[in-house]
Amino acid sequence: MRRLLLLVAALVVAITTVSYSGEYTMISVPKLRSTWFNDLETGIKKAGEDFGVNVYQQAPASADEAQQVRIIEDAITQGVNALLVVPNDANACVPAFARARSMGIPVITHESVGQPEADFNVEMVDNVGHGENIMKAMVEDLGTDEGEYAIFVGSLTVPAHNQWADAAIAYAKKNHPKLTLVADRFPVAEDRNAARQKTLELLMTYPEL
């Protein structure tokens, strides 16, 4: 997975520095600080070294769309040359992205398919295939295709997560009709503790989950 993140970072830096000469500064703004996005930062820095670009990462402390937008706006004001953003809320970022593009600052997103006001979106996987594989793995691990299940997403406003959920649910309906979705997706704000708490609540309501 880390190799994939390094590849994404290198691709993004290459895209944004085409036909540019002089000092170039790019900011990466992920959804929050986490192990996953720390790996992304490793790739960003390595790509920056490889391409001779000043690259840094700044993230909100939690999956807070308002805080993320403030970071993006501050970076635009400071005069960065390019933005790489993993949006917490695809729609909340649109005004900031539009402002950046109006100033000639390219906008690249990740995990945000169809993002308005983005020049490019980079995905590491086929999102439909990934969602289907999640369901296949669940059924294999359970050893049965009967029973109740629930799906969590980081947020209802992250396009990629919800594409994964849509694909997993569709695959289950088609291939494992005896599986029952107890409720359609729970947003847990990219927080493992919130996911654990929601799981405990669901088990109280659905003891056969």
N, C-alpha and C. Protein backbone atom coordinates (compact mmCIF):
# COMPACT_ATOMS: atom_id res chain seq x y z
N MET A 1 0.83 -1.20 0.00
CA MET A 1 0.00 0.00 0.00
C MET A 1 0.87 1.26 0.00
N ARG A 2 1.98 1.21 0.75
CA ARG A 2 2.84 2.40 0.78
C ARG A 2 3.39 2.69 -0.61
N ARG A 3 3.70 1.64 -1.39
CA ARG A 3 4.20 1.86 -2.74
C ARG A 3 3.14 2.58 -3.59
N LEU A 4 1.87 2.21 -3.41
CA LEU A 4 0.80 2.88 -4.13
C LEU A 4 0.74 4.36 -3.76
N LEU A 5 0.88 4.66 -2.48
CA LEU A 5 0.85 6.05 -2.04
C LEU A 5 2.03 6.83 -2.61
N LEU A 6 3.20 6.21 -2.66
CA LEU A 6 4.36 6.86 -3.26
C LEU A 6 4.10 7.14 -4.74
N LEU A 7 3.47 6.19 -5.43
CA LEU A 7 3.18 6.37 -6.86
C LEU A 7 2.19 7.52 -7.06
N VAL A 8 1.14 7.57 -6.23
CA VAL A 8 0.17 8.65 -6.33
C VAL A 8 0.85 9.99 -6.13
N ALA A 9 1.69 10.09 -5.10
CA ALA A 9 2.37 11.34 -4.80
C ALA A 9 3.26 11.77 -5.96
N ALA A 10 4.01 10.84 -6.52
CA ALA A 10 4.90 11.16 -7.63
C ALA A 10 4.11 11.63 -8.85
N LEU A 11 3.00 10.96 -9.12
CA LEU A 11 2.16 11.33 -10.25
C LEU A 11 1.61 12.74 -10.09
N VAL A 12 1.13 13.04 -8.89
CA VAL A 12 0.56 14.35 -8.64
C VAL A 12 1.59 15.46 -8.79
N VAL A 13 2.77 15.26 -8.22
CA VAL A 13 3.82 16.27 -8.35
C VAL A 13 4.21 16.45 -9.81
N ALA A 14 4.30 15.34 -10.54
CA ALA A 14 4.65 15.43 -11.96
C ALA A 14 3.60 16.22 -12.74
N ILE A 15 2.32 15.94 -12.47
CA ILE A 15 1.23 16.64 -13.17
C ILE A 15 1.28 18.13 -12.93
N THR A 16 1.49 18.52 -11.67
CA THR A 16 1.36 19.93 -11.31
C THR A 16 2.59 20.76 -11.66
N THR A 17 3.70 20.11 -12.00
CA THR A 17 4.91 20.88 -12.30
C THR A 17 5.26 20.89 -13.77
N VAL A 18 4.38 20.36 -14.60
CA VAL A 18 4.64 20.37 -16.04
C VAL A 18 4.79 21.81 -16.54
N SER A 19 5.81 22.04 -17.32
CA SER A 19 6.07 23.34 -17.95
C SER A 19 6.22 24.48 -16.94
N TYR A 20 6.78 24.17 -15.77
CA TYR A 20 6.98 25.21 -14.76
C TYR A 20 8.46 25.29 -14.44
N SER A 21 8.98 26.48 -14.36
CA SER A 21 10.38 26.67 -13.97
C SER A 21 10.44 27.63 -12.81
N GLY A 22 11.40 27.43 -11.93
CA GLY A 22 11.50 28.28 -10.75
C GLY A 22 11.07 27.51 -9.51
N GLU A 23 11.07 28.19 -8.36
CA GLU A 23 10.69 27.54 -7.11
C GLU A 23 9.20 27.22 -7.13
N TYR A 24 8.87 26.00 -6.80
CA TYR A 24 7.49 25.53 -6.88
C TYR A 24 7.08 24.95 -5.53
N THR A 25 5.97 25.42 -4.99
CA THR A 25 5.51 24.96 -3.67
C THR A 25 4.13 24.34 -3.79
N MET A 26 4.01 23.18 -3.23
CA MET A 26 2.75 22.45 -3.27
C MET A 26 2.37 22.01 -1.86
N ILE A 27 1.08 22.08 -1.53
CA ILE A 27 0.60 21.61 -0.23
C ILE A 27 -0.32 20.42 -0.41
N SER A 28 -0.17 19.46 0.48
CA SER A 28 -1.08 18.32 0.55
C SER A 28 -1.96 18.53 1.79
N VAL A 29 -3.28 18.46 1.58
CA VAL A 29 -4.22 18.65 2.69
C VAL A 29 -5.12 17.42 2.77
N PRO A 30 -4.73 16.41 3.56
CA PRO A 30 -5.57 15.23 3.70
C PRO A 30 -6.74 15.49 4.65
N LYS A 31 -7.54 14.46 4.88
CA LYS A 31 -8.73 14.63 5.70
C LYS A 31 -8.42 14.88 7.17
N LEU A 32 -7.35 14.26 7.65
CA LEU A 32 -6.95 14.40 9.05
C LEU A 32 -5.57 13.78 9.22
N ARG A 33 -5.03 13.89 10.43
CA ARG A 33 -3.77 13.22 10.75
C ARG A 33 -4.08 11.77 11.12
N SER A 34 -3.49 10.84 10.39
CA SER A 34 -3.68 9.42 10.69
C SER A 34 -2.51 8.66 10.09
N THR A 35 -2.39 7.39 10.47
CA THR A 35 -1.30 6.56 9.93
C THR A 35 -1.36 6.50 8.41
N TRP A 36 -2.57 6.36 7.88
CA TRP A 36 -2.74 6.30 6.42
C TRP A 36 -2.17 7.53 5.74
N PHE A 37 -2.52 8.69 6.25
CA PHE A 37 -2.08 9.93 5.62
C PHE A 37 -0.64 10.29 5.99
N ASN A 38 -0.12 9.72 7.05
CA ASN A 38 1.31 9.85 7.32
C ASN A 38 2.11 9.15 6.22
N ASP A 39 1.59 8.02 5.75
CA ASP A 39 2.24 7.33 4.63
C ASP A 39 2.17 8.18 3.37
N LEU A 40 1.03 8.83 3.17
CA LEU A 40 0.91 9.73 2.02
C LEU A 40 1.95 10.84 2.11
N GLU A 41 2.16 11.37 3.30
CA GLU A 41 3.15 12.43 3.48
C GLU A 41 4.55 11.94 3.13
N THR A 42 4.85 10.69 3.51
CA THR A 42 6.15 10.11 3.14
C THR A 42 6.33 10.11 1.63
N GLY A 43 5.28 9.72 0.92
CA GLY A 43 5.35 9.70 -0.54
C GLY A 43 5.45 11.09 -1.14
N ILE A 44 4.71 12.04 -0.57
CA ILE A 44 4.74 13.43 -1.05
C ILE A 44 6.16 13.99 -0.94
N LYS A 45 6.78 13.78 0.22
CA LYS A 45 8.13 14.32 0.42
C LYS A 45 9.14 13.66 -0.51
N LYS A 46 9.01 12.35 -0.72
CA LYS A 46 9.93 11.65 -1.60
C LYS A 46 9.76 12.16 -3.03
N ALA A 47 8.50 12.34 -3.48
CA ALA A 47 8.26 12.86 -4.83
C ALA A 47 8.80 14.27 -4.96
N GLY A 48 8.66 15.08 -3.90
CA GLY A 48 9.19 16.43 -3.94
C GLY A 48 10.69 16.44 -4.14
N GLU A 49 11.38 15.54 -3.43
CA GLU A 49 12.83 15.44 -3.60
C GLU A 49 13.19 15.00 -5.02
N ASP A 50 12.45 14.04 -5.53
CA ASP A 50 12.75 13.52 -6.87
C ASP A 50 12.54 14.58 -7.96
N PHE A 51 11.57 15.46 -7.76
CA PHE A 51 11.24 16.44 -8.78
C PHE A 51 11.77 17.84 -8.46
N GLY A 52 12.47 17.98 -7.34
CA GLY A 52 13.01 19.29 -6.98
C GLY A 52 11.94 20.30 -6.66
N VAL A 53 10.92 19.87 -5.91
CA VAL A 53 9.77 20.71 -5.59
C VAL A 53 9.63 20.83 -4.07
N ASN A 54 9.24 22.00 -3.61
CA ASN A 54 8.97 22.20 -2.19
C ASN A 54 7.55 21.71 -1.89
N VAL A 55 7.44 20.61 -1.15
CA VAL A 55 6.14 20.01 -0.86
C VAL A 55 5.99 19.81 0.64
N TYR A 56 4.84 20.18 1.16
CA TYR A 56 4.59 19.94 2.58
C TYR A 56 3.14 19.53 2.79
N GLN A 57 2.86 18.94 3.93
CA GLN A 57 1.51 18.47 4.22
C GLN A 57 1.00 19.13 5.51
N GLN A 58 -0.25 19.53 5.48
CA GLN A 58 -0.90 20.10 6.65
C GLN A 58 -2.30 19.53 6.72
N ALA A 59 -2.69 19.04 7.90
CA ALA A 59 -3.97 18.36 8.03
C ALA A 59 -4.73 18.85 9.25
N PRO A 60 -6.06 18.83 9.18
CA PRO A 60 -6.84 19.13 10.38
C PRO A 60 -6.64 18.04 11.42
N ALA A 61 -6.86 18.37 12.68
CA ALA A 61 -6.65 17.40 13.75
C ALA A 61 -7.69 16.29 13.72
N SER A 62 -8.86 16.59 13.18
CA SER A 62 -9.92 15.60 13.03
C SER A 62 -10.56 15.80 11.66
N ALA A 63 -11.47 14.91 11.31
CA ALA A 63 -12.11 15.00 10.00
C ALA A 63 -13.15 16.11 10.00
N ASP A 64 -12.67 17.33 10.04
CA ASP A 64 -13.50 18.54 10.16
C ASP A 64 -13.40 19.31 8.85
N GLU A 65 -14.53 19.35 8.11
CA GLU A 65 -14.47 20.01 6.79
C GLU A 65 -14.20 21.50 6.89
N ALA A 66 -14.71 22.16 7.92
CA ALA A 66 -14.49 23.60 8.06
C ALA A 66 -13.02 23.90 8.32
N GLN A 67 -12.40 23.11 9.17
CA GLN A 67 -10.97 23.31 9.44
C GLN A 67 -10.14 23.02 8.21
N GLN A 68 -10.53 21.99 7.45
CA GLN A 68 -9.80 21.66 6.24
C GLN A 68 -9.89 22.80 5.22
N VAL A 69 -11.08 23.37 5.06
CA VAL A 69 -11.25 24.48 4.12
C VAL A 69 -10.42 25.68 4.54
N ARG A 70 -10.32 25.95 5.85
CA ARG A 70 -9.48 27.06 6.32
C ARG A 70 -8.03 26.84 5.95
N ILE A 71 -7.55 25.61 6.08
CA ILE A 71 -6.16 25.30 5.70
C ILE A 71 -5.96 25.56 4.21
N ILE A 72 -6.92 25.13 3.40
CA ILE A 72 -6.82 25.34 1.95
C ILE A 72 -6.80 26.83 1.63
N GLU A 73 -7.72 27.58 2.23
CA GLU A 73 -7.79 29.02 1.99
C GLU A 73 -6.50 29.72 2.41
N ASP A 74 -5.94 29.33 3.55
CA ASP A 74 -4.69 29.94 4.01
C ASP A 74 -3.55 29.64 3.03
N ALA A 75 -3.53 28.40 2.51
CA ALA A 75 -2.48 28.03 1.56
C ALA A 75 -2.59 28.85 0.27
N ILE A 76 -3.81 29.08 -0.18
CA ILE A 76 -4.02 29.91 -1.38
C ILE A 76 -3.52 31.33 -1.13
N THR A 77 -3.86 31.87 0.03
CA THR A 77 -3.44 33.23 0.38
C THR A 77 -1.92 33.34 0.46
N GLN A 78 -1.27 32.26 0.94
CA GLN A 78 0.18 32.26 1.06
C GLN A 78 0.88 32.07 -0.28
N GLY A 79 0.12 31.74 -1.31
CA GLY A 79 0.69 31.68 -2.66
C GLY A 79 1.27 30.35 -3.09
N VAL A 80 0.69 29.24 -2.62
CA VAL A 80 1.17 27.95 -3.10
C VAL A 80 0.92 27.84 -4.60
N ASN A 81 1.68 26.97 -5.25
CA ASN A 81 1.53 26.79 -6.69
C ASN A 81 0.57 25.67 -7.07
N ALA A 82 0.27 24.77 -6.12
CA ALA A 82 -0.64 23.66 -6.42
C ALA A 82 -1.22 23.12 -5.13
N LEU A 83 -2.43 22.55 -5.25
CA LEU A 83 -3.11 21.95 -4.12
C LEU A 83 -3.36 20.47 -4.39
N LEU A 84 -3.06 19.63 -3.40
CA LEU A 84 -3.49 18.24 -3.41
C LEU A 84 -4.37 18.05 -2.17
N VAL A 85 -5.63 17.69 -2.37
CA VAL A 85 -6.58 17.63 -1.26
C VAL A 85 -7.33 16.31 -1.28
N VAL A 86 -7.49 15.72 -0.09
CA VAL A 86 -8.36 14.57 0.10
C VAL A 86 -9.57 15.10 0.88
N PRO A 87 -10.64 15.49 0.21
CA PRO A 87 -11.71 16.24 0.87
C PRO A 87 -12.48 15.44 1.91
N ASN A 88 -12.77 16.09 3.04
CA ASN A 88 -13.72 15.54 3.99
C ASN A 88 -15.15 15.71 3.47
N ASP A 89 -15.38 16.81 2.78
CA ASP A 89 -16.69 17.09 2.21
C ASP A 89 -16.45 17.67 0.82
N ALA A 90 -16.81 16.90 -0.20
CA ALA A 90 -16.54 17.30 -1.57
C ALA A 90 -17.16 18.66 -1.90
N ASN A 91 -18.37 18.90 -1.42
CA ASN A 91 -19.06 20.15 -1.74
C ASN A 91 -18.49 21.34 -0.97
N ALA A 92 -18.10 21.12 0.27
CA ALA A 92 -17.59 22.22 1.09
C ALA A 92 -16.31 22.82 0.50
N CYS A 93 -15.57 22.02 -0.24
CA CYS A 93 -14.30 22.49 -0.81
C CYS A 93 -14.46 23.28 -2.10
N VAL A 94 -15.63 23.23 -2.70
CA VAL A 94 -15.81 23.81 -4.04
C VAL A 94 -15.46 25.29 -4.11
N PRO A 95 -15.94 26.16 -3.20
CA PRO A 95 -15.59 27.59 -3.31
C PRO A 95 -14.09 27.84 -3.23
N ALA A 96 -13.41 27.14 -2.34
CA ALA A 96 -11.96 27.32 -2.22
C ALA A 96 -11.25 26.84 -3.48
N PHE A 97 -11.70 25.71 -4.02
CA PHE A 97 -11.09 25.19 -5.25
C PHE A 97 -11.31 26.17 -6.41
N ALA A 98 -12.51 26.72 -6.49
CA ALA A 98 -12.80 27.67 -7.57
C ALA A 98 -11.90 28.90 -7.45
N ARG A 99 -11.70 29.37 -6.23
CA ARG A 99 -10.81 30.51 -6.02
C ARG A 99 -9.39 30.17 -6.46
N ALA A 100 -8.92 28.99 -6.08
CA ALA A 100 -7.56 28.58 -6.45
C ALA A 100 -7.40 28.54 -7.97
N ARG A 101 -8.34 27.93 -8.64
CA ARG A 101 -8.23 27.80 -10.10
C ARG A 101 -8.31 29.15 -10.79
N SER A 102 -9.10 30.07 -10.22
CA SER A 102 -9.19 31.41 -10.82
C SER A 102 -7.86 32.14 -10.73
N MET A 103 -7.00 31.70 -9.79
CA MET A 103 -5.68 32.30 -9.61
C MET A 103 -4.59 31.49 -10.30
N GLY A 104 -4.98 30.50 -11.08
CA GLY A 104 -4.02 29.69 -11.82
C GLY A 104 -3.37 28.60 -11.00
N ILE A 105 -3.96 28.25 -9.86
CA ILE A 105 -3.42 27.19 -9.00
C ILE A 105 -4.14 25.89 -9.32
N PRO A 106 -3.45 24.88 -9.85
CA PRO A 106 -4.11 23.62 -10.16
C PRO A 106 -4.55 22.90 -8.89
N VAL A 107 -5.68 22.20 -9.00
CA VAL A 107 -6.27 21.49 -7.87
C VAL A 107 -6.35 20.01 -8.22
N ILE A 108 -5.73 19.18 -7.39
CA ILE A 108 -5.77 17.74 -7.58
C ILE A 108 -6.41 17.13 -6.35
N THR A 109 -7.38 16.25 -6.53
CA THR A 109 -8.02 15.59 -5.40
C THR A 109 -7.75 14.09 -5.43
N HIS A 110 -8.02 13.47 -4.28
CA HIS A 110 -7.90 12.02 -4.13
C HIS A 110 -9.10 11.56 -3.32
N GLU A 111 -9.64 10.38 -3.64
CA GLU A 111 -10.85 9.85 -2.99
C GLU A 111 -12.05 10.78 -3.23
N SER A 112 -12.08 11.46 -4.36
CA SER A 112 -13.17 12.40 -4.61
C SER A 112 -13.54 12.41 -6.09
N VAL A 113 -14.01 11.27 -6.56
CA VAL A 113 -14.38 11.11 -7.97
C VAL A 113 -15.47 12.12 -8.33
N GLY A 114 -15.29 12.78 -9.50
CA GLY A 114 -16.28 13.74 -9.96
C GLY A 114 -16.26 15.05 -9.20
N GLN A 115 -15.15 15.34 -8.53
CA GLN A 115 -15.05 16.54 -7.70
C GLN A 115 -15.20 17.81 -8.54
N PRO A 116 -16.21 18.65 -8.25
CA PRO A 116 -16.33 19.93 -8.95
C PRO A 116 -15.14 20.83 -8.65
N GLU A 117 -14.72 21.58 -9.63
CA GLU A 117 -13.63 22.56 -9.53
C GLU A 117 -12.28 21.92 -9.23
N ALA A 118 -12.10 20.67 -9.61
CA ALA A 118 -10.78 20.02 -9.54
C ALA A 118 -10.27 19.81 -10.95
N ASP A 119 -8.96 19.96 -11.13
CA ASP A 119 -8.37 19.72 -12.44
C ASP A 119 -8.15 18.24 -12.70
N PHE A 120 -7.80 17.51 -11.65
CA PHE A 120 -7.57 16.06 -11.75
C PHE A 120 -8.03 15.41 -10.45
N ASN A 121 -8.44 14.15 -10.55
CA ASN A 121 -8.67 13.33 -9.36
C ASN A 121 -7.88 12.04 -9.54
N VAL A 122 -7.13 11.66 -8.52
CA VAL A 122 -6.28 10.48 -8.59
C VAL A 122 -6.84 9.41 -7.67
N GLU A 123 -7.09 8.23 -8.20
CA GLU A 123 -7.55 7.10 -7.40
C GLU A 123 -6.52 5.98 -7.48
N MET A 124 -6.35 5.26 -6.38
CA MET A 124 -5.38 4.16 -6.34
C MET A 124 -5.98 2.84 -6.76
N VAL A 125 -7.31 2.74 -6.71
CA VAL A 125 -7.98 1.48 -7.00
C VAL A 125 -9.20 1.75 -7.87
N ASP A 126 -9.70 0.69 -8.49
CA ASP A 126 -11.01 0.73 -9.13
C ASP A 126 -12.03 0.70 -7.98
N ASN A 127 -12.75 1.78 -7.79
CA ASN A 127 -13.60 1.89 -6.61
C ASN A 127 -14.72 0.85 -6.58
N VAL A 128 -15.30 0.54 -7.73
CA VAL A 128 -16.34 -0.49 -7.77
C VAL A 128 -15.75 -1.85 -7.43
N GLY A 129 -14.63 -2.18 -8.06
CA GLY A 129 -13.97 -3.45 -7.78
C GLY A 129 -13.55 -3.58 -6.33
N HIS A 130 -13.09 -2.46 -5.75
CA HIS A 130 -12.67 -2.46 -4.35
C HIS A 130 -13.86 -2.76 -3.43
N GLY A 131 -14.99 -2.12 -3.69
CA GLY A 131 -16.18 -2.38 -2.89
C GLY A 131 -16.64 -3.82 -2.99
N GLU A 132 -16.61 -4.36 -4.20
CA GLU A 132 -17.00 -5.76 -4.39
C GLU A 132 -16.05 -6.69 -3.66
N ASN A 133 -14.76 -6.37 -3.69
CA ASN A 133 -13.78 -7.22 -3.01
C ASN A 133 -13.95 -7.20 -1.50
N ILE A 134 -14.37 -6.05 -0.96
CA ILE A 134 -14.64 -5.98 0.48
C ILE A 134 -15.75 -6.97 0.84
N MET A 135 -16.81 -7.00 0.04
CA MET A 135 -17.92 -7.93 0.31
C MET A 135 -17.48 -9.37 0.13
N LYS A 136 -16.70 -9.65 -0.91
CA LYS A 136 -16.20 -11.02 -1.12
C LYS A 136 -15.38 -11.48 0.08
N ALA A 137 -14.54 -10.59 0.59
CA ALA A 137 -13.70 -10.93 1.74
C ALA A 137 -14.54 -11.18 2.98
N MET A 138 -15.59 -10.38 3.18
CA MET A 138 -16.45 -10.58 4.34
C MET A 138 -17.12 -11.94 4.30
N VAL A 139 -17.67 -12.29 3.15
CA VAL A 139 -18.35 -13.58 3.01
C VAL A 139 -17.37 -14.73 3.22
N GLU A 140 -16.18 -14.59 2.66
CA GLU A 140 -15.17 -15.65 2.82
C GLU A 140 -14.78 -15.81 4.29
N ASP A 141 -14.58 -14.70 4.98
CA ASP A 141 -14.18 -14.77 6.39
C ASP A 141 -15.31 -15.33 7.26
N LEU A 142 -16.57 -14.99 6.92
CA LEU A 142 -17.70 -15.49 7.69
C LEU A 142 -17.90 -17.00 7.48
N GLY A 143 -17.57 -17.47 6.29
CA GLY A 143 -17.82 -18.87 5.97
C GLY A 143 -19.28 -19.15 5.66
N THR A 144 -20.06 -18.09 5.46
CA THR A 144 -21.47 -18.22 5.10
C THR A 144 -21.92 -16.96 4.39
N ASP A 145 -22.96 -17.06 3.61
CA ASP A 145 -23.50 -15.86 2.98
C ASP A 145 -24.92 -15.60 3.45
N GLU A 146 -25.18 -15.97 4.71
CA GLU A 146 -26.44 -15.65 5.36
C GLU A 146 -26.17 -14.84 6.62
N GLY A 147 -27.06 -13.88 6.92
CA GLY A 147 -26.91 -13.13 8.15
C GLY A 147 -27.04 -11.63 7.94
N GLU A 148 -26.85 -10.89 9.03
CA GLU A 148 -26.99 -9.44 9.03
C GLU A 148 -25.62 -8.78 8.98
N TYR A 149 -25.55 -7.65 8.31
CA TYR A 149 -24.29 -6.91 8.26
C TYR A 149 -24.57 -5.41 8.23
N ALA A 150 -23.56 -4.64 8.56
CA ALA A 150 -23.63 -3.19 8.50
C ALA A 150 -22.40 -2.67 7.77
N ILE A 151 -22.51 -1.48 7.24
CA ILE A 151 -21.38 -0.87 6.52
C ILE A 151 -21.09 0.49 7.14
N PHE A 152 -19.82 0.72 7.44
CA PHE A 152 -19.35 2.02 7.92
C PHE A 152 -18.61 2.74 6.81
N VAL A 153 -18.69 4.06 6.80
CA VAL A 153 -17.88 4.89 5.91
C VAL A 153 -17.25 6.00 6.76
N GLY A 154 -16.16 6.57 6.26
CA GLY A 154 -15.55 7.67 6.98
C GLY A 154 -16.51 8.83 7.08
N SER A 155 -17.23 9.09 5.99
CA SER A 155 -18.18 10.20 5.96
C SER A 155 -19.16 9.98 4.81
N LEU A 156 -20.33 10.54 4.94
CA LEU A 156 -21.31 10.49 3.86
C LEU A 156 -20.96 11.46 2.74
N THR A 157 -19.93 12.29 2.96
CA THR A 157 -19.56 13.31 1.98
C THR A 157 -18.25 13.00 1.26
N VAL A 158 -17.72 11.78 1.46
CA VAL A 158 -16.50 11.34 0.76
C VAL A 158 -16.93 10.42 -0.39
N PRO A 159 -16.82 10.88 -1.64
CA PRO A 159 -17.33 10.10 -2.77
C PRO A 159 -16.78 8.68 -2.86
N ALA A 160 -15.46 8.50 -2.68
CA ALA A 160 -14.88 7.17 -2.86
C ALA A 160 -15.44 6.18 -1.85
N HIS A 161 -15.53 6.57 -0.58
CA HIS A 161 -16.04 5.66 0.44
C HIS A 161 -17.45 5.19 0.10
N ASN A 162 -18.25 6.10 -0.40
CA ASN A 162 -19.63 5.75 -0.70
C ASN A 162 -19.76 4.95 -1.99
N GLN A 163 -18.82 5.12 -2.90
CA GLN A 163 -18.77 4.23 -4.06
C GLN A 163 -18.43 2.81 -3.62
N TRP A 164 -17.51 2.68 -2.67
CA TRP A 164 -17.17 1.35 -2.14
C TRP A 164 -18.42 0.71 -1.52
N ALA A 165 -19.13 1.50 -0.70
CA ALA A 165 -20.32 0.98 -0.04
C ALA A 165 -21.39 0.59 -1.06
N ASP A 166 -21.63 1.46 -2.04
CA ASP A 166 -22.63 1.16 -3.08
C ASP A 166 -22.29 -0.15 -3.79
N ALA A 167 -21.02 -0.31 -4.14
CA ALA A 167 -20.60 -1.51 -4.88
C ALA A 167 -20.72 -2.76 -4.03
N ALA A 168 -20.35 -2.65 -2.74
CA ALA A 168 -20.45 -3.80 -1.84
C ALA A 168 -21.90 -4.23 -1.68
N ILE A 169 -22.79 -3.27 -1.48
CA ILE A 169 -24.21 -3.57 -1.29
C ILE A 169 -24.81 -4.18 -2.56
N ALA A 170 -24.48 -3.60 -3.70
CA ALA A 170 -25.00 -4.13 -4.96
C ALA A 170 -24.52 -5.55 -5.21
N TYR A 171 -23.24 -5.80 -4.90
CA TYR A 171 -22.68 -7.15 -5.09
C TYR A 171 -23.40 -8.16 -4.18
N ALA A 172 -23.65 -7.75 -2.94
CA ALA A 172 -24.32 -8.64 -2.00
C ALA A 172 -25.74 -8.96 -2.47
N LYS A 173 -26.46 -7.95 -2.93
CA LYS A 173 -27.83 -8.16 -3.39
C LYS A 173 -27.88 -9.14 -4.57
N LYS A 174 -26.90 -9.02 -5.45
CA LYS A 174 -26.89 -9.85 -6.64
C LYS A 174 -26.41 -11.27 -6.35
N ASN A 175 -25.38 -11.40 -5.52
CA ASN A 175 -24.71 -12.68 -5.34
C ASN A 175 -25.01 -13.38 -4.01
N HIS A 176 -25.46 -12.64 -3.02
CA HIS A 176 -25.71 -13.22 -1.70
C HIS A 176 -27.02 -12.67 -1.14
N PRO A 177 -28.14 -13.02 -1.75
CA PRO A 177 -29.43 -12.42 -1.37
C PRO A 177 -29.87 -12.71 0.05
N LYS A 178 -29.25 -13.70 0.72
CA LYS A 178 -29.62 -14.01 2.10
C LYS A 178 -28.89 -13.14 3.11
N LEU A 179 -28.01 -12.28 2.64
CA LEU A 179 -27.38 -11.28 3.52
C LEU A 179 -28.34 -10.11 3.68
N THR A 180 -28.47 -9.62 4.90
CA THR A 180 -29.40 -8.52 5.18
C THR A 180 -28.63 -7.31 5.71
N LEU A 181 -28.75 -6.21 5.02
CA LEU A 181 -28.14 -4.95 5.48
C LEU A 181 -29.07 -4.32 6.52
N VAL A 182 -28.58 -4.20 7.75
CA VAL A 182 -29.48 -3.74 8.84
C VAL A 182 -29.82 -2.26 8.72
N ALA A 183 -28.88 -1.47 8.20
CA ALA A 183 -29.13 -0.05 7.95
C ALA A 183 -28.03 0.42 7.01
N ASP A 184 -28.38 1.32 6.12
CA ASP A 184 -27.45 1.71 5.07
C ASP A 184 -26.43 2.73 5.56
N ARG A 185 -25.27 2.31 5.78
CA ARG A 185 -24.01 2.97 6.12
C ARG A 185 -24.05 3.96 7.29
N PHE A 186 -23.01 3.86 8.07
CA PHE A 186 -22.85 4.70 9.25
C PHE A 186 -21.57 5.52 9.11
N PRO A 187 -21.66 6.85 9.13
CA PRO A 187 -20.45 7.68 9.07
C PRO A 187 -19.80 7.75 10.46
N VAL A 188 -18.51 7.49 10.52
CA VAL A 188 -17.83 7.47 11.82
C VAL A 188 -16.64 8.44 11.86
N ALA A 189 -16.64 9.43 10.96
CA ALA A 189 -15.69 10.54 11.01
C ALA A 189 -14.22 10.09 11.04
N GLU A 190 -13.92 8.99 10.33
CA GLU A 190 -12.54 8.50 10.24
C GLU A 190 -11.96 8.18 11.61
N ASP A 191 -12.80 7.85 12.58
CA ASP A 191 -12.39 7.70 13.97
C ASP A 191 -12.62 6.26 14.42
N ARG A 192 -11.54 5.56 14.75
CA ARG A 192 -11.69 4.15 15.13
C ARG A 192 -12.49 3.99 16.43
N ASN A 193 -12.36 4.95 17.35
CA ASN A 193 -13.14 4.87 18.59
C ASN A 193 -14.63 5.05 18.32
N ALA A 194 -14.95 5.97 17.41
CA ALA A 194 -16.35 6.16 17.02
C ALA A 194 -16.88 4.90 16.34
N ALA A 195 -16.06 4.26 15.53
CA ALA A 195 -16.47 3.03 14.86
C ALA A 195 -16.73 1.92 15.88
N ARG A 196 -15.86 1.84 16.87
CA ARG A 196 -16.04 0.82 17.92
C ARG A 196 -17.33 1.08 18.70
N GLN A 197 -17.58 2.33 19.08
CA GLN A 197 -18.78 2.66 19.84
C GLN A 197 -20.04 2.35 19.04
N LYS A 198 -20.02 2.71 17.76
CA LYS A 198 -21.18 2.43 16.91
C LYS A 198 -21.39 0.92 16.77
N THR A 199 -20.32 0.16 16.70
CA THR A 199 -20.43 -1.29 16.61
C THR A 199 -21.10 -1.86 17.86
N LEU A 200 -20.69 -1.39 19.03
CA LEU A 200 -21.29 -1.85 20.28
C LEU A 200 -22.78 -1.52 20.33
N GLU A 201 -23.14 -0.32 19.85
CA GLU A 201 -24.55 0.06 19.82
C GLU A 201 -25.35 -0.85 18.87
N LEU A 202 -24.76 -1.12 17.72
CA LEU A 202 -25.45 -1.98 16.76
C LEU A 202 -25.64 -3.39 17.30
N LEU A 203 -24.65 -3.90 18.02
CA LEU A 203 -24.75 -5.26 18.57
C LEU A 203 -25.85 -5.34 19.63
N MET A 204 -26.11 -4.23 20.31
CA MET A 204 -27.21 -4.22 21.27
C MET A 204 -28.56 -4.32 20.55
N THR A 205 -28.64 -3.66 19.40
CA THR A 205 -29.89 -3.65 18.63
C THR A 205 -30.04 -4.89 17.76
N TYR A 206 -28.92 -5.34 17.21
CA TYR A 206 -28.91 -6.50 16.30
C TYR A 206 -27.95 -7.56 16.83
N PRO A 207 -28.36 -8.36 17.82
CA PRO A 207 -27.43 -9.30 18.44
C PRO A 207 -26.89 -10.37 17.49
N GLU A 208 -27.57 -10.56 16.35
CA GLU A 208 -27.10 -11.56 15.38
C GLU A 208 -26.20 -10.92 14.31
N LEU A 209 -25.86 -9.66 14.48
CA LEU A 209 -25.03 -8.96 13.49
C LEU A 209 -23.69 -9.66 13.33
